[in-house]
Amino acid sequence: MVYVDPLMNCIPNSHWKWTRSCHLFADTVEELHAFAQRIGMRRAWFQAHKKLPHYDLNESRRAAAVLNGAKEVDRKFLVEFMRRKNDEACAGSG
């Protein structure tokens, strides 16, 4: 499953010109990349953060993600998702 969290205000910088953004993330990195490609994201935009591999989305990309089947989730879900993935990683390394 692929997910998007709510848009939040952010500060534009040299790499990001928008004032609102959110995260596109998924149960697997493979699923995330395939979905991102379908909505026109470049692989170079992927952020391989250990706790949450994701793509940042602006408002229009978020709308495209939802139209293409991404599940809208809240911040609580995002935190629980990251906690679960961390627990899985710890269990797998022991």
N, C-alpha and C. Protein backbone atom coordinates (compact mmCIF):
# COMPACT_ATOMS: atom_id res chain seq x y z
N MET A 1 0.85 -1.17 0.00
CA MET A 1 0.00 0.00 0.00
C MET A 1 0.90 1.24 0.00
N VAL A 2 0.43 2.27 -0.67
CA VAL A 2 1.13 3.56 -0.74
C VAL A 2 0.30 4.59 0.01
N TYR A 3 0.97 5.48 0.72
CA TYR A 3 0.31 6.43 1.61
C TYR A 3 0.77 7.87 1.36
N VAL A 4 -0.09 8.82 1.70
CA VAL A 4 0.29 10.24 1.76
C VAL A 4 -0.23 10.80 3.08
N ASP A 5 0.61 11.60 3.71
CA ASP A 5 0.18 12.25 4.94
C ASP A 5 -0.34 13.65 4.61
N PRO A 6 -0.85 14.37 5.58
CA PRO A 6 -1.41 15.70 5.29
C PRO A 6 -0.35 16.72 4.85
N LEU A 7 -0.79 17.66 4.04
CA LEU A 7 0.09 18.77 3.66
C LEU A 7 0.39 19.61 4.90
N MET A 8 1.63 20.05 4.97
CA MET A 8 2.04 20.92 6.07
C MET A 8 2.79 22.11 5.48
N ASN A 9 2.76 23.22 6.18
CA ASN A 9 3.52 24.39 5.76
C ASN A 9 5.01 24.09 5.86
N CYS A 10 5.75 24.61 4.92
CA CYS A 10 7.20 24.45 4.94
C CYS A 10 7.85 25.72 4.37
N ILE A 11 9.13 25.83 4.58
CA ILE A 11 9.86 27.00 4.11
C ILE A 11 10.58 26.66 2.82
N PRO A 12 10.28 27.38 1.75
CA PRO A 12 10.98 27.12 0.48
C PRO A 12 12.49 27.34 0.65
N ASN A 13 13.27 26.61 -0.16
CA ASN A 13 14.72 26.77 -0.15
C ASN A 13 15.24 26.54 -1.57
N SER A 14 16.52 26.40 -1.72
CA SER A 14 17.10 26.25 -3.06
C SER A 14 16.71 24.93 -3.72
N HIS A 15 16.23 23.96 -2.95
CA HIS A 15 15.83 22.66 -3.49
C HIS A 15 14.32 22.46 -3.54
N TRP A 16 13.59 23.36 -2.92
CA TRP A 16 12.14 23.18 -2.80
C TRP A 16 11.48 24.55 -2.85
N LYS A 17 10.65 24.80 -3.88
CA LYS A 17 10.07 26.14 -4.05
C LYS A 17 8.66 26.29 -3.49
N TRP A 18 8.09 25.20 -3.00
CA TRP A 18 6.71 25.23 -2.54
C TRP A 18 6.61 25.57 -1.05
N THR A 19 5.43 26.04 -0.63
CA THR A 19 5.23 26.41 0.77
C THR A 19 4.44 25.37 1.55
N ARG A 20 3.99 24.31 0.86
CA ARG A 20 3.29 23.21 1.53
C ARG A 20 3.79 21.90 0.93
N SER A 21 3.97 20.91 1.79
CA SER A 21 4.42 19.61 1.29
C SER A 21 3.95 18.49 2.20
N CYS A 22 4.10 17.28 1.70
CA CYS A 22 3.77 16.08 2.47
C CYS A 22 4.69 14.97 2.00
N HIS A 23 4.49 13.77 2.56
CA HIS A 23 5.32 12.62 2.23
C HIS A 23 4.51 11.56 1.48
N LEU A 24 5.15 10.96 0.50
CA LEU A 24 4.64 9.78 -0.18
C LEU A 24 5.51 8.63 0.31
N PHE A 25 4.90 7.62 0.93
CA PHE A 25 5.66 6.49 1.45
C PHE A 25 4.84 5.21 1.26
N ALA A 26 5.47 4.07 1.45
CA ALA A 26 4.79 2.81 1.13
C ALA A 26 5.31 1.68 2.02
N ASP A 27 4.59 0.57 1.95
CA ASP A 27 4.98 -0.60 2.73
C ASP A 27 6.34 -1.14 2.29
N THR A 28 6.66 -1.03 0.99
CA THR A 28 7.97 -1.45 0.50
C THR A 28 8.54 -0.36 -0.39
N VAL A 29 9.85 -0.31 -0.45
CA VAL A 29 10.52 0.69 -1.29
C VAL A 29 10.22 0.42 -2.77
N GLU A 30 10.14 -0.84 -3.14
CA GLU A 30 9.84 -1.19 -4.53
C GLU A 30 8.48 -0.65 -4.94
N GLU A 31 7.49 -0.85 -4.06
CA GLU A 31 6.14 -0.35 -4.32
C GLU A 31 6.14 1.17 -4.40
N LEU A 32 6.91 1.80 -3.54
CA LEU A 32 7.01 3.26 -3.54
C LEU A 32 7.57 3.78 -4.85
N HIS A 33 8.67 3.20 -5.32
CA HIS A 33 9.28 3.66 -6.57
C HIS A 33 8.35 3.44 -7.77
N ALA A 34 7.68 2.31 -7.82
CA ALA A 34 6.77 2.03 -8.94
C ALA A 34 5.63 3.04 -8.95
N PHE A 35 5.07 3.32 -7.80
CA PHE A 35 3.97 4.28 -7.71
C PHE A 35 4.45 5.68 -8.06
N ALA A 36 5.59 6.07 -7.52
CA ALA A 36 6.14 7.40 -7.79
C ALA A 36 6.36 7.60 -9.29
N GLN A 37 6.86 6.59 -9.94
CA GLN A 37 7.08 6.68 -11.39
C GLN A 37 5.76 6.89 -12.12
N ARG A 38 4.71 6.20 -11.69
CA ARG A 38 3.40 6.33 -12.33
C ARG A 38 2.84 7.74 -12.24
N ILE A 39 3.19 8.47 -11.19
CA ILE A 39 2.67 9.84 -11.06
C ILE A 39 3.69 10.89 -11.49
N GLY A 40 4.74 10.44 -12.17
CA GLY A 40 5.68 11.37 -12.78
C GLY A 40 6.82 11.86 -11.90
N MET A 41 7.09 11.14 -10.83
CA MET A 41 8.19 11.52 -9.95
C MET A 41 9.51 10.99 -10.50
N ARG A 42 10.57 11.74 -10.31
CA ARG A 42 11.90 11.29 -10.72
C ARG A 42 12.54 10.50 -9.58
N ARG A 43 13.25 9.46 -9.92
CA ARG A 43 13.92 8.65 -8.90
C ARG A 43 14.91 9.49 -8.10
N ALA A 44 15.48 10.50 -8.73
CA ALA A 44 16.44 11.38 -8.05
C ALA A 44 15.79 12.14 -6.88
N TRP A 45 14.48 12.23 -6.87
CA TRP A 45 13.77 12.94 -5.80
C TRP A 45 13.54 12.06 -4.57
N PHE A 46 13.83 10.79 -4.69
CA PHE A 46 13.66 9.86 -3.57
C PHE A 46 14.58 10.25 -2.41
N GLN A 47 14.04 10.17 -1.21
CA GLN A 47 14.82 10.45 -0.01
C GLN A 47 14.93 9.15 0.80
N ALA A 48 16.11 8.59 0.82
CA ALA A 48 16.34 7.28 1.44
C ALA A 48 16.59 7.39 2.94
N HIS A 49 15.71 8.11 3.62
CA HIS A 49 15.85 8.25 5.06
C HIS A 49 15.63 6.89 5.72
N LYS A 50 16.48 6.59 6.69
CA LYS A 50 16.42 5.29 7.36
C LYS A 50 15.06 5.06 8.02
N LYS A 51 14.52 6.08 8.68
CA LYS A 51 13.25 5.92 9.39
C LYS A 51 12.03 6.01 8.48
N LEU A 52 12.15 6.72 7.36
CA LEU A 52 11.01 6.86 6.45
C LEU A 52 11.50 7.14 5.03
N PRO A 53 11.79 6.09 4.26
CA PRO A 53 12.10 6.33 2.85
C PRO A 53 10.86 6.94 2.19
N HIS A 54 11.04 8.05 1.46
CA HIS A 54 9.86 8.75 0.95
C HIS A 54 10.21 9.69 -0.20
N TYR A 55 9.17 10.22 -0.80
CA TYR A 55 9.25 11.33 -1.74
C TYR A 55 8.47 12.48 -1.11
N ASP A 56 8.99 13.69 -1.23
CA ASP A 56 8.22 14.86 -0.82
C ASP A 56 7.30 15.24 -1.97
N LEU A 57 6.08 15.61 -1.63
CA LEU A 57 5.09 16.00 -2.64
C LEU A 57 4.59 17.40 -2.38
N ASN A 58 4.38 18.15 -3.46
CA ASN A 58 3.68 19.42 -3.33
C ASN A 58 2.18 19.13 -3.45
N GLU A 59 1.37 20.16 -3.42
CA GLU A 59 -0.09 19.98 -3.40
C GLU A 59 -0.60 19.26 -4.64
N SER A 60 -0.11 19.62 -5.82
CA SER A 60 -0.61 18.99 -7.05
C SER A 60 -0.15 17.54 -7.16
N ARG A 61 1.06 17.24 -6.74
CA ARG A 61 1.54 15.84 -6.77
C ARG A 61 0.77 15.00 -5.76
N ARG A 62 0.42 15.59 -4.62
CA ARG A 62 -0.36 14.86 -3.63
C ARG A 62 -1.73 14.51 -4.21
N ALA A 63 -2.34 15.47 -4.89
CA ALA A 63 -3.65 15.22 -5.52
C ALA A 63 -3.53 14.08 -6.54
N ALA A 64 -2.46 14.08 -7.33
CA ALA A 64 -2.24 13.01 -8.31
C ALA A 64 -2.07 11.66 -7.62
N ALA A 65 -1.36 11.67 -6.50
CA ALA A 65 -1.15 10.42 -5.75
C ALA A 65 -2.49 9.87 -5.26
N VAL A 66 -3.31 10.72 -4.70
CA VAL A 66 -4.62 10.28 -4.19
C VAL A 66 -5.49 9.77 -5.34
N LEU A 67 -5.49 10.49 -6.46
CA LEU A 67 -6.27 10.04 -7.62
C LEU A 67 -5.82 8.68 -8.14
N ASN A 68 -4.54 8.38 -7.93
CA ASN A 68 -3.99 7.11 -8.40
C ASN A 68 -4.01 6.02 -7.33
N GLY A 69 -4.67 6.28 -6.21
CA GLY A 69 -4.89 5.22 -5.23
C GLY A 69 -4.10 5.29 -3.94
N ALA A 70 -3.29 6.32 -3.74
CA ALA A 70 -2.59 6.43 -2.45
C ALA A 70 -3.61 6.66 -1.34
N LYS A 71 -3.37 6.03 -0.24
CA LYS A 71 -4.28 6.15 0.91
C LYS A 71 -3.88 7.37 1.74
N GLU A 72 -4.87 8.23 2.02
CA GLU A 72 -4.62 9.40 2.86
C GLU A 72 -4.61 8.97 4.32
N VAL A 73 -3.54 9.35 5.02
CA VAL A 73 -3.40 8.99 6.43
C VAL A 73 -3.06 10.23 7.24
N ASP A 74 -3.25 10.12 8.55
CA ASP A 74 -2.93 11.25 9.42
C ASP A 74 -1.51 11.08 10.00
N ARG A 75 -1.08 12.09 10.76
CA ARG A 75 0.26 12.06 11.35
C ARG A 75 0.41 10.92 12.35
N LYS A 76 -0.64 10.58 13.04
CA LYS A 76 -0.58 9.46 13.99
C LYS A 76 -0.23 8.17 13.26
N PHE A 77 -0.86 7.95 12.10
CA PHE A 77 -0.55 6.77 11.31
C PHE A 77 0.91 6.79 10.90
N LEU A 78 1.40 7.94 10.46
CA LEU A 78 2.79 8.07 10.02
C LEU A 78 3.75 7.68 11.15
N VAL A 79 3.51 8.17 12.35
CA VAL A 79 4.38 7.84 13.49
C VAL A 79 4.33 6.35 13.78
N GLU A 80 3.13 5.77 13.78
CA GLU A 80 3.00 4.34 14.03
C GLU A 80 3.66 3.51 12.93
N PHE A 81 3.55 3.97 11.71
CA PHE A 81 4.18 3.30 10.57
C PHE A 81 5.69 3.27 10.76
N MET A 82 6.28 4.42 11.11
CA MET A 82 7.72 4.49 11.32
C MET A 82 8.14 3.61 12.50
N ARG A 83 7.36 3.61 13.56
CA ARG A 83 7.66 2.78 14.73
C ARG A 83 7.63 1.30 14.35
N ARG A 84 6.61 0.90 13.59
CA ARG A 84 6.49 -0.50 13.17
C ARG A 84 7.67 -0.92 12.29
N LYS A 85 8.03 -0.06 11.35
CA LYS A 85 9.16 -0.38 10.45
C LYS A 85 10.46 -0.48 11.25
N ASN A 86 10.64 0.40 12.22
CA ASN A 86 11.84 0.34 13.06
C ASN A 86 11.86 -0.95 13.87
N ASP A 87 10.72 -1.34 14.44
CA ASP A 87 10.64 -2.58 15.20
C ASP A 87 10.96 -3.79 14.31
N GLU A 88 10.46 -3.77 13.08
CA GLU A 88 10.72 -4.86 12.14
C GLU A 88 12.22 -4.93 11.80
N ALA A 89 12.83 -3.77 11.60
CA ALA A 89 14.25 -3.74 11.28
C ALA A 89 15.09 -4.26 12.45
N CYS A 90 14.71 -3.87 13.65
CA CYS A 90 15.44 -4.33 14.85
C CYS A 90 15.29 -5.84 15.04
N ALA A 91 14.10 -6.35 14.81
CA ALA A 91 13.84 -7.78 14.96
C ALA A 91 14.63 -8.58 13.92
N GLY A 92 14.75 -8.01 12.72
CA GLY A 92 15.47 -8.69 11.65
C GLY A 92 16.97 -8.70 11.82
N SER A 93 17.49 -7.78 12.62
CA SER A 93 18.94 -7.69 12.78
C SER A 93 19.42 -8.47 14.00
N GLY A 94 18.50 -9.04 14.76
CA GLY A 94 18.91 -9.72 15.99
C GLY A 94 18.99 -11.15 15.90
